[in-house]
Amino acid sequence: MKNSKTSDRELATKLGVSQPTVSRIRAKLEREGYIKEYTLIPDFHKLGFEIMAVTLVKLKNELNEKELGQMRKFVRDLMEKSPFAYMMALDGHGLGYNRMVISLHENYSDFVRFVKAAREAPYGELAAVDSFLISLSSEHYLPLTFSVVAKYLLAMKEKKVI
């Protein structure tokens, strides 16, 4: 989690096991879904994004499976015609909302276009849409990183919790 570029050989040396053992365990973790992908977390501001938005959405009525499928198709089609940089879109519950989207925007106008598109979605009448905007040009207290999770897991292992 700290460095997805670390080779199996390097991991084996750090762990005190053989490289084939690390390769076998890594393959098993991938197969079982513990490892979904190997990725990096870029500096979004350097990539041209000024804003990260956490948008909470409340639908007036829950969508059935057919409507959910139609909504997903609408979003895919919209993304092809007029792409938005979505990082995550999830169903959930809290603060009176039942959907959450984290998105990146080049500027405030791009964010406004995103909200307008969300309000015009043909499936699911919106009861509320609220966003928390984060400036990506400023220094943050604790930026997005998986090293924090890795440190937590190590601490829990040392306490024998996991």
N, C-alpha and C. Protein backbone atom coordinates (compact mmCIF):
# COMPACT_ATOMS: atom_id res chain seq x y z
N MET A 1 0.82 -1.20 0.00
CA MET A 1 0.00 0.00 0.00
C MET A 1 0.86 1.26 0.00
N LYS A 2 2.04 1.17 0.56
CA LYS A 2 2.91 2.34 0.61
C LYS A 2 3.53 2.62 -0.75
N ASN A 3 3.80 1.57 -1.54
CA ASN A 3 4.46 1.77 -2.82
C ASN A 3 4.10 0.60 -3.74
N SER A 4 3.15 0.82 -4.64
CA SER A 4 2.71 -0.27 -5.53
C SER A 4 3.76 -0.62 -6.58
N LYS A 5 4.84 0.15 -6.66
CA LYS A 5 5.91 -0.16 -7.61
C LYS A 5 6.91 -1.16 -7.03
N THR A 6 6.80 -1.48 -5.74
CA THR A 6 7.73 -2.41 -5.12
C THR A 6 7.63 -3.78 -5.79
N SER A 7 8.78 -4.33 -6.20
CA SER A 7 8.79 -5.63 -6.88
C SER A 7 8.60 -6.76 -5.88
N ASP A 8 8.21 -7.92 -6.40
CA ASP A 8 8.06 -9.10 -5.55
C ASP A 8 9.40 -9.44 -4.89
N ARG A 9 10.48 -9.26 -5.61
CA ARG A 9 11.82 -9.54 -5.05
C ARG A 9 12.11 -8.62 -3.87
N GLU A 10 11.82 -7.32 -4.02
CA GLU A 10 12.04 -6.37 -2.93
C GLU A 10 11.17 -6.70 -1.72
N LEU A 11 9.89 -7.02 -1.98
CA LEU A 11 8.99 -7.39 -0.88
C LEU A 11 9.49 -8.64 -0.16
N ALA A 12 9.96 -9.62 -0.92
CA ALA A 12 10.47 -10.86 -0.33
C ALA A 12 11.63 -10.57 0.61
N THR A 13 12.53 -9.71 0.18
CA THR A 13 13.68 -9.34 1.00
C THR A 13 13.22 -8.66 2.29
N LYS A 14 12.28 -7.71 2.17
CA LYS A 14 11.77 -6.99 3.34
C LYS A 14 11.05 -7.91 4.31
N LEU A 15 10.33 -8.91 3.76
CA LEU A 15 9.53 -9.81 4.59
C LEU A 15 10.30 -11.04 5.07
N GLY A 16 11.47 -11.28 4.46
CA GLY A 16 12.26 -12.44 4.85
C GLY A 16 11.71 -13.76 4.35
N VAL A 17 11.08 -13.70 3.17
CA VAL A 17 10.55 -14.93 2.54
C VAL A 17 11.06 -14.97 1.10
N SER A 18 10.74 -16.06 0.39
CA SER A 18 11.21 -16.18 -0.99
C SER A 18 10.34 -15.36 -1.94
N GLN A 19 10.92 -15.00 -3.08
CA GLN A 19 10.18 -14.25 -4.10
C GLN A 19 8.99 -15.05 -4.63
N PRO A 20 9.11 -16.38 -4.89
CA PRO A 20 7.93 -17.14 -5.33
C PRO A 20 6.79 -17.12 -4.29
N THR A 21 7.14 -17.09 -3.01
CA THR A 21 6.11 -17.02 -1.96
C THR A 21 5.35 -15.70 -2.07
N VAL A 22 6.07 -14.61 -2.25
CA VAL A 22 5.42 -13.30 -2.39
C VAL A 22 4.55 -13.29 -3.65
N SER A 23 5.06 -13.81 -4.75
CA SER A 23 4.29 -13.84 -6.01
C SER A 23 3.02 -14.67 -5.85
N ARG A 24 3.12 -15.80 -5.18
CA ARG A 24 1.96 -16.68 -4.97
C ARG A 24 0.92 -15.98 -4.08
N ILE A 25 1.36 -15.34 -3.01
CA ILE A 25 0.43 -14.65 -2.10
C ILE A 25 -0.21 -13.46 -2.81
N ARG A 26 0.59 -12.71 -3.58
CA ARG A 26 0.04 -11.56 -4.32
C ARG A 26 -1.05 -12.03 -5.29
N ALA A 27 -0.77 -13.12 -6.04
CA ALA A 27 -1.75 -13.65 -7.00
C ALA A 27 -3.03 -14.08 -6.28
N LYS A 28 -2.88 -14.69 -5.11
CA LYS A 28 -4.06 -15.12 -4.33
C LYS A 28 -4.87 -13.90 -3.87
N LEU A 29 -4.18 -12.86 -3.38
CA LEU A 29 -4.88 -11.65 -2.95
C LEU A 29 -5.61 -10.99 -4.11
N GLU A 30 -5.03 -11.01 -5.30
CA GLU A 30 -5.69 -10.47 -6.49
C GLU A 30 -6.92 -11.30 -6.85
N ARG A 31 -6.75 -12.63 -6.87
CA ARG A 31 -7.85 -13.54 -7.21
C ARG A 31 -9.02 -13.38 -6.25
N GLU A 32 -8.72 -13.24 -4.96
CA GLU A 32 -9.77 -13.16 -3.94
C GLU A 32 -10.34 -11.75 -3.79
N GLY A 33 -9.81 -10.79 -4.55
CA GLY A 33 -10.38 -9.44 -4.56
C GLY A 33 -9.86 -8.51 -3.48
N TYR A 34 -8.84 -8.93 -2.71
CA TYR A 34 -8.27 -8.02 -1.72
C TYR A 34 -7.50 -6.89 -2.41
N ILE A 35 -6.88 -7.21 -3.54
CA ILE A 35 -6.19 -6.20 -4.34
C ILE A 35 -7.01 -6.00 -5.60
N LYS A 36 -7.59 -4.81 -5.74
CA LYS A 36 -8.43 -4.52 -6.90
C LYS A 36 -7.63 -3.98 -8.06
N GLU A 37 -6.63 -3.15 -7.77
CA GLU A 37 -5.80 -2.57 -8.83
C GLU A 37 -4.54 -1.98 -8.22
N TYR A 38 -3.57 -1.76 -9.06
CA TYR A 38 -2.34 -1.08 -8.66
C TYR A 38 -2.43 0.31 -9.26
N THR A 39 -2.31 1.30 -8.42
CA THR A 39 -2.55 2.65 -8.89
C THR A 39 -1.62 3.63 -8.19
N LEU A 40 -1.73 4.86 -8.57
CA LEU A 40 -1.01 5.93 -7.91
C LEU A 40 -1.99 7.04 -7.61
N ILE A 41 -1.62 7.90 -6.72
CA ILE A 41 -2.46 9.06 -6.41
C ILE A 41 -1.69 10.29 -6.90
N PRO A 42 -2.12 10.84 -8.02
CA PRO A 42 -1.38 11.98 -8.58
C PRO A 42 -1.69 13.28 -7.84
N ASP A 43 -0.94 14.28 -8.15
CA ASP A 43 -1.23 15.63 -7.69
C ASP A 43 -2.29 16.17 -8.65
N PHE A 44 -3.55 16.15 -8.23
CA PHE A 44 -4.65 16.53 -9.11
C PHE A 44 -4.53 17.98 -9.59
N HIS A 45 -3.99 18.85 -8.75
CA HIS A 45 -3.83 20.24 -9.15
C HIS A 45 -2.85 20.35 -10.32
N LYS A 46 -1.76 19.60 -10.26
CA LYS A 46 -0.79 19.62 -11.36
C LYS A 46 -1.39 19.04 -12.65
N LEU A 47 -2.41 18.21 -12.51
CA LEU A 47 -3.09 17.66 -13.69
C LEU A 47 -4.12 18.62 -14.27
N GLY A 48 -4.32 19.77 -13.62
CA GLY A 48 -5.21 20.79 -14.16
C GLY A 48 -6.54 20.93 -13.44
N PHE A 49 -6.70 20.28 -12.30
CA PHE A 49 -7.95 20.40 -11.55
C PHE A 49 -7.79 21.40 -10.43
N GLU A 50 -8.76 22.31 -10.32
CA GLU A 50 -8.75 23.31 -9.24
C GLU A 50 -9.64 22.89 -8.07
N ILE A 51 -10.65 22.05 -8.35
CA ILE A 51 -11.66 21.74 -7.34
C ILE A 51 -11.91 20.24 -7.27
N MET A 52 -12.04 19.76 -6.03
CA MET A 52 -12.59 18.43 -5.78
C MET A 52 -13.92 18.68 -5.08
N ALA A 53 -14.98 18.01 -5.55
CA ALA A 53 -16.30 18.21 -4.97
C ALA A 53 -16.80 16.90 -4.36
N VAL A 54 -17.33 17.02 -3.15
CA VAL A 54 -18.05 15.92 -2.53
C VAL A 54 -19.51 16.34 -2.61
N THR A 55 -20.27 15.66 -3.45
CA THR A 55 -21.66 16.04 -3.70
C THR A 55 -22.59 14.99 -3.12
N LEU A 56 -23.50 15.44 -2.27
CA LEU A 56 -24.50 14.57 -1.67
C LEU A 56 -25.82 14.78 -2.39
N VAL A 57 -26.48 13.69 -2.71
CA VAL A 57 -27.72 13.74 -3.48
C VAL A 57 -28.79 12.96 -2.73
N LYS A 58 -30.00 13.52 -2.73
CA LYS A 58 -31.14 12.81 -2.17
C LYS A 58 -32.18 12.65 -3.26
N LEU A 59 -32.51 11.41 -3.57
CA LEU A 59 -33.59 11.14 -4.52
C LEU A 59 -34.90 11.10 -3.76
N LYS A 60 -35.97 11.60 -4.40
CA LYS A 60 -37.29 11.58 -3.73
C LYS A 60 -37.75 10.15 -3.50
N ASN A 61 -37.48 9.28 -4.47
CA ASN A 61 -37.87 7.87 -4.35
C ASN A 61 -36.69 6.99 -4.73
N GLU A 62 -36.58 5.85 -4.07
CA GLU A 62 -35.52 4.90 -4.43
C GLU A 62 -35.79 4.35 -5.83
N LEU A 63 -34.71 4.06 -6.55
CA LEU A 63 -34.84 3.51 -7.90
C LEU A 63 -34.94 2.00 -7.84
N ASN A 64 -35.81 1.44 -8.70
CA ASN A 64 -35.85 -0.02 -8.80
C ASN A 64 -34.70 -0.48 -9.71
N GLU A 65 -34.51 -1.77 -9.87
CA GLU A 65 -33.37 -2.29 -10.64
C GLU A 65 -33.38 -1.79 -12.09
N LYS A 66 -34.56 -1.74 -12.71
CA LYS A 66 -34.66 -1.27 -14.09
C LYS A 66 -34.25 0.20 -14.19
N GLU A 67 -34.79 1.02 -13.28
CA GLU A 67 -34.46 2.46 -13.28
C GLU A 67 -32.98 2.68 -12.97
N LEU A 68 -32.42 1.87 -12.08
CA LEU A 68 -31.00 1.97 -11.76
C LEU A 68 -30.15 1.66 -12.98
N GLY A 69 -30.53 0.65 -13.73
CA GLY A 69 -29.83 0.32 -14.98
C GLY A 69 -29.92 1.45 -15.99
N GLN A 70 -31.11 2.06 -16.11
CA GLN A 70 -31.30 3.17 -17.03
C GLN A 70 -30.47 4.38 -16.59
N MET A 71 -30.39 4.62 -15.28
CA MET A 71 -29.59 5.73 -14.75
C MET A 71 -28.11 5.50 -15.06
N ARG A 72 -27.63 4.30 -14.85
CA ARG A 72 -26.22 4.00 -15.14
C ARG A 72 -25.92 4.20 -16.63
N LYS A 73 -26.84 3.78 -17.50
CA LYS A 73 -26.66 3.96 -18.93
C LYS A 73 -26.64 5.45 -19.28
N PHE A 74 -27.54 6.22 -18.67
CA PHE A 74 -27.58 7.67 -18.90
C PHE A 74 -26.24 8.30 -18.52
N VAL A 75 -25.70 7.91 -17.36
CA VAL A 75 -24.42 8.48 -16.91
C VAL A 75 -23.29 8.08 -17.86
N ARG A 76 -23.25 6.82 -18.29
CA ARG A 76 -22.21 6.38 -19.24
C ARG A 76 -22.30 7.17 -20.54
N ASP A 77 -23.52 7.34 -21.06
CA ASP A 77 -23.71 8.10 -22.30
C ASP A 77 -23.30 9.56 -22.13
N LEU A 78 -23.68 10.14 -20.99
CA LEU A 78 -23.32 11.52 -20.70
C LEU A 78 -21.80 11.67 -20.63
N MET A 79 -21.14 10.72 -20.00
CA MET A 79 -19.68 10.77 -19.85
C MET A 79 -18.98 10.69 -21.22
N GLU A 80 -19.57 9.96 -22.15
CA GLU A 80 -18.98 9.88 -23.49
C GLU A 80 -19.13 11.21 -24.23
N LYS A 81 -20.30 11.84 -24.11
CA LYS A 81 -20.56 13.10 -24.81
C LYS A 81 -19.86 14.29 -24.16
N SER A 82 -19.89 14.32 -22.84
CA SER A 82 -19.38 15.47 -22.10
C SER A 82 -18.72 14.97 -20.82
N PRO A 83 -17.47 14.53 -20.92
CA PRO A 83 -16.83 13.87 -19.77
C PRO A 83 -16.68 14.75 -18.53
N PHE A 84 -16.87 14.11 -17.39
CA PHE A 84 -16.58 14.68 -16.09
C PHE A 84 -15.57 13.76 -15.44
N ALA A 85 -14.76 14.28 -14.57
CA ALA A 85 -13.77 13.46 -13.88
C ALA A 85 -14.38 12.95 -12.57
N TYR A 86 -15.11 11.84 -12.66
CA TYR A 86 -15.67 11.20 -11.47
C TYR A 86 -14.60 10.36 -10.82
N MET A 87 -14.50 10.44 -9.52
CA MET A 87 -13.59 9.54 -8.81
C MET A 87 -14.39 8.40 -8.20
N MET A 88 -15.59 8.71 -7.74
CA MET A 88 -16.37 7.72 -7.03
C MET A 88 -17.82 8.15 -7.02
N ALA A 89 -18.73 7.21 -7.23
CA ALA A 89 -20.17 7.47 -7.11
C ALA A 89 -20.76 6.27 -6.39
N LEU A 90 -21.42 6.53 -5.26
CA LEU A 90 -21.88 5.44 -4.40
C LEU A 90 -23.29 5.67 -3.89
N ASP A 91 -23.97 4.56 -3.61
CA ASP A 91 -25.23 4.60 -2.88
C ASP A 91 -24.87 4.53 -1.39
N GLY A 92 -25.68 5.13 -0.57
CA GLY A 92 -25.43 5.07 0.87
C GLY A 92 -26.51 5.84 1.60
N HIS A 93 -26.33 6.03 2.87
CA HIS A 93 -27.31 6.77 3.67
C HIS A 93 -26.59 7.56 4.74
N GLY A 94 -26.98 8.80 4.91
CA GLY A 94 -26.43 9.64 5.97
C GLY A 94 -26.73 11.09 5.71
N LEU A 95 -26.95 11.83 6.77
CA LEU A 95 -27.26 13.26 6.70
C LEU A 95 -28.49 13.54 5.84
N GLY A 96 -29.35 12.53 5.68
CA GLY A 96 -30.57 12.69 4.89
C GLY A 96 -30.37 12.49 3.40
N TYR A 97 -29.22 12.00 2.97
CA TYR A 97 -28.92 11.78 1.55
C TYR A 97 -28.78 10.29 1.27
N ASN A 98 -28.93 9.91 -0.01
CA ASN A 98 -28.80 8.49 -0.36
C ASN A 98 -27.85 8.23 -1.53
N ARG A 99 -27.13 9.23 -1.97
CA ARG A 99 -26.11 9.08 -3.00
C ARG A 99 -24.97 10.04 -2.68
N MET A 100 -23.74 9.67 -3.11
CA MET A 100 -22.60 10.54 -2.92
C MET A 100 -21.69 10.40 -4.13
N VAL A 101 -21.19 11.54 -4.61
CA VAL A 101 -20.27 11.56 -5.75
C VAL A 101 -19.06 12.40 -5.36
N ILE A 102 -17.88 11.87 -5.64
CA ILE A 102 -16.66 12.66 -5.50
C ILE A 102 -16.17 12.91 -6.93
N SER A 103 -15.96 14.17 -7.26
CA SER A 103 -15.58 14.52 -8.63
C SER A 103 -14.50 15.59 -8.63
N LEU A 104 -13.78 15.66 -9.74
CA LEU A 104 -12.73 16.65 -9.93
C LEU A 104 -13.17 17.62 -11.02
N HIS A 105 -12.80 18.90 -10.87
CA HIS A 105 -13.23 19.92 -11.83
C HIS A 105 -12.09 20.87 -12.14
N GLU A 106 -11.98 21.23 -13.41
CA GLU A 106 -10.93 22.16 -13.84
C GLU A 106 -11.13 23.55 -13.26
N ASN A 107 -12.40 23.93 -13.06
CA ASN A 107 -12.72 25.24 -12.52
C ASN A 107 -14.16 25.23 -12.03
N TYR A 108 -14.60 26.37 -11.50
CA TYR A 108 -15.95 26.44 -10.95
C TYR A 108 -17.02 26.28 -12.04
N SER A 109 -16.77 26.79 -13.23
CA SER A 109 -17.74 26.64 -14.34
C SER A 109 -17.94 25.17 -14.68
N ASP A 110 -16.87 24.41 -14.65
CA ASP A 110 -16.95 22.97 -14.91
C ASP A 110 -17.79 22.29 -13.82
N PHE A 111 -17.61 22.71 -12.56
CA PHE A 111 -18.42 22.17 -11.47
C PHE A 111 -19.89 22.50 -11.66
N VAL A 112 -20.20 23.75 -12.05
CA VAL A 112 -21.60 24.16 -12.28
C VAL A 112 -22.23 23.30 -13.39
N ARG A 113 -21.46 23.04 -14.44
CA ARG A 113 -21.94 22.18 -15.54
C ARG A 113 -22.25 20.77 -15.02
N PHE A 114 -21.42 20.27 -14.12
CA PHE A 114 -21.62 18.95 -13.51
C PHE A 114 -22.93 18.92 -12.71
N VAL A 115 -23.16 19.95 -11.87
CA VAL A 115 -24.38 20.00 -11.06
C VAL A 115 -25.60 20.12 -11.94
N LYS A 116 -25.51 20.92 -13.00
CA LYS A 116 -26.64 21.07 -13.95
C LYS A 116 -26.97 19.72 -14.58
N ALA A 117 -25.95 18.97 -14.99
CA ALA A 117 -26.17 17.66 -15.59
C ALA A 117 -26.82 16.71 -14.58
N ALA A 118 -26.40 16.78 -13.33
CA ALA A 118 -26.99 15.92 -12.29
C ALA A 118 -28.46 16.25 -12.09
N ARG A 119 -28.78 17.52 -12.12
CA ARG A 119 -30.18 17.93 -11.92
C ARG A 119 -31.08 17.56 -13.10
N GLU A 120 -30.48 17.41 -14.30
CA GLU A 120 -31.25 17.10 -15.49
C GLU A 120 -31.37 15.60 -15.77
N ALA A 121 -30.79 14.77 -14.91
CA ALA A 121 -30.87 13.32 -15.13
C ALA A 121 -32.33 12.90 -15.20
N PRO A 122 -32.71 12.11 -16.22
CA PRO A 122 -34.11 11.78 -16.42
C PRO A 122 -34.68 10.74 -15.46
N TYR A 123 -33.82 10.03 -14.75
CA TYR A 123 -34.31 8.97 -13.86
C TYR A 123 -34.05 9.36 -12.42
N GLY A 124 -35.07 9.35 -11.63
CA GLY A 124 -34.94 9.67 -10.23
C GLY A 124 -35.08 11.15 -9.97
N GLU A 125 -36.21 11.54 -9.43
CA GLU A 125 -36.45 12.95 -9.12
C GLU A 125 -35.62 13.36 -7.91
N LEU A 126 -34.90 14.46 -8.03
CA LEU A 126 -34.02 14.91 -6.96
C LEU A 126 -34.78 15.69 -5.90
N ALA A 127 -34.51 15.38 -4.65
CA ALA A 127 -35.08 16.14 -3.54
C ALA A 127 -34.06 17.18 -3.07
N ALA A 128 -32.76 16.84 -3.17
CA ALA A 128 -31.72 17.77 -2.71
C ALA A 128 -30.38 17.40 -3.32
N VAL A 129 -29.58 18.44 -3.58
CA VAL A 129 -28.20 18.26 -4.04
C VAL A 129 -27.37 19.31 -3.30
N ASP A 130 -26.37 18.86 -2.56
CA ASP A 130 -25.49 19.78 -1.84
C ASP A 130 -24.05 19.32 -2.04
N SER A 131 -23.15 20.29 -2.13
CA SER A 131 -21.75 19.96 -2.38
C SER A 131 -20.83 20.67 -1.39
N PHE A 132 -19.73 20.01 -1.11
CA PHE A 132 -18.63 20.57 -0.33
C PHE A 132 -17.47 20.66 -1.30
N LEU A 133 -16.97 21.87 -1.55
CA LEU A 133 -15.91 22.08 -2.53
C LEU A 133 -14.56 22.22 -1.84
N ILE A 134 -13.56 21.56 -2.39
CA ILE A 134 -12.21 21.57 -1.84
C ILE A 134 -11.28 22.18 -2.89
N SER A 135 -10.55 23.20 -2.50
CA SER A 135 -9.56 23.80 -3.39
C SER A 135 -8.35 22.88 -3.45
N LEU A 136 -7.94 22.51 -4.65
CA LEU A 136 -6.79 21.64 -4.81
C LEU A 136 -5.49 22.43 -4.93
N SER A 137 -5.58 23.76 -4.93
CA SER A 137 -4.37 24.57 -5.08
C SER A 137 -3.74 24.90 -3.74
N SER A 138 -4.41 24.58 -2.63
CA SER A 138 -3.84 24.91 -1.32
C SER A 138 -3.31 23.66 -0.63
N GLU A 139 -2.47 23.88 0.36
CA GLU A 139 -1.90 22.79 1.15
C GLU A 139 -2.98 22.26 2.09
N HIS A 140 -3.07 20.95 2.26
CA HIS A 140 -4.10 20.36 3.12
C HIS A 140 -3.47 19.66 4.31
N TYR A 141 -4.22 19.60 5.37
CA TYR A 141 -3.76 18.99 6.62
C TYR A 141 -3.32 17.54 6.41
N LEU A 142 -4.15 16.74 5.80
CA LEU A 142 -3.84 15.33 5.57
C LEU A 142 -4.34 14.95 4.18
N PRO A 143 -3.46 14.99 3.18
CA PRO A 143 -3.90 14.70 1.81
C PRO A 143 -4.24 13.22 1.61
N LEU A 144 -4.94 12.93 0.52
CA LEU A 144 -5.33 11.57 0.18
C LEU A 144 -4.08 10.72 -0.07
N THR A 145 -3.94 9.65 0.71
CA THR A 145 -2.83 8.73 0.54
C THR A 145 -3.19 7.39 1.19
N PHE A 146 -2.62 6.33 0.70
CA PHE A 146 -2.88 5.02 1.28
C PHE A 146 -1.83 4.66 2.32
N SER A 147 -0.80 5.47 2.45
CA SER A 147 0.22 5.22 3.48
C SER A 147 -0.41 5.26 4.87
N VAL A 148 -1.40 6.12 5.07
CA VAL A 148 -2.08 6.22 6.35
C VAL A 148 -2.75 4.89 6.68
N VAL A 149 -3.42 4.28 5.71
CA VAL A 149 -4.08 2.99 5.92
C VAL A 149 -3.03 1.90 6.20
N ALA A 150 -1.91 1.93 5.46
CA ALA A 150 -0.84 0.96 5.66
C ALA A 150 -0.29 1.06 7.08
N LYS A 151 -0.06 2.28 7.56
CA LYS A 151 0.45 2.47 8.92
C LYS A 151 -0.55 1.95 9.95
N TYR A 152 -1.83 2.19 9.72
CA TYR A 152 -2.88 1.70 10.62
C TYR A 152 -2.86 0.17 10.68
N LEU A 153 -2.79 -0.48 9.51
CA LEU A 153 -2.78 -1.94 9.48
C LEU A 153 -1.56 -2.50 10.21
N LEU A 154 -0.41 -1.86 10.03
CA LEU A 154 0.79 -2.30 10.75
C LEU A 154 0.62 -2.14 12.26
N ALA A 155 0.05 -1.03 12.68
CA ALA A 155 -0.17 -0.79 14.11
C ALA A 155 -1.13 -1.83 14.68
N MET A 156 -2.18 -2.16 13.95
CA MET A 156 -3.14 -3.16 14.42
C MET A 156 -2.50 -4.55 14.47
N LYS A 157 -1.62 -4.84 13.51
CA LYS A 157 -0.92 -6.12 13.52
C LYS A 157 -0.03 -6.23 14.75
N GLU A 158 0.67 -5.13 15.07
CA GLU A 158 1.54 -5.12 16.25
C GLU A 158 0.74 -5.31 17.53
N LYS A 159 -0.48 -4.77 17.56
CA LYS A 159 -1.36 -4.94 18.73
C LYS A 159 -2.06 -6.29 18.71
N LYS A 160 -1.83 -7.05 17.62
CA LYS A 160 -2.44 -8.38 17.41
C LYS A 160 -3.96 -8.31 17.25
N VAL A 161 -4.46 -7.16 16.75
CA VAL A 161 -5.90 -7.00 16.48
C VAL A 161 -6.26 -7.70 15.20
N ILE A 162 -5.34 -7.68 14.20
CA ILE A 162 -5.58 -8.36 12.93
C ILE A 162 -4.51 -9.40 12.67
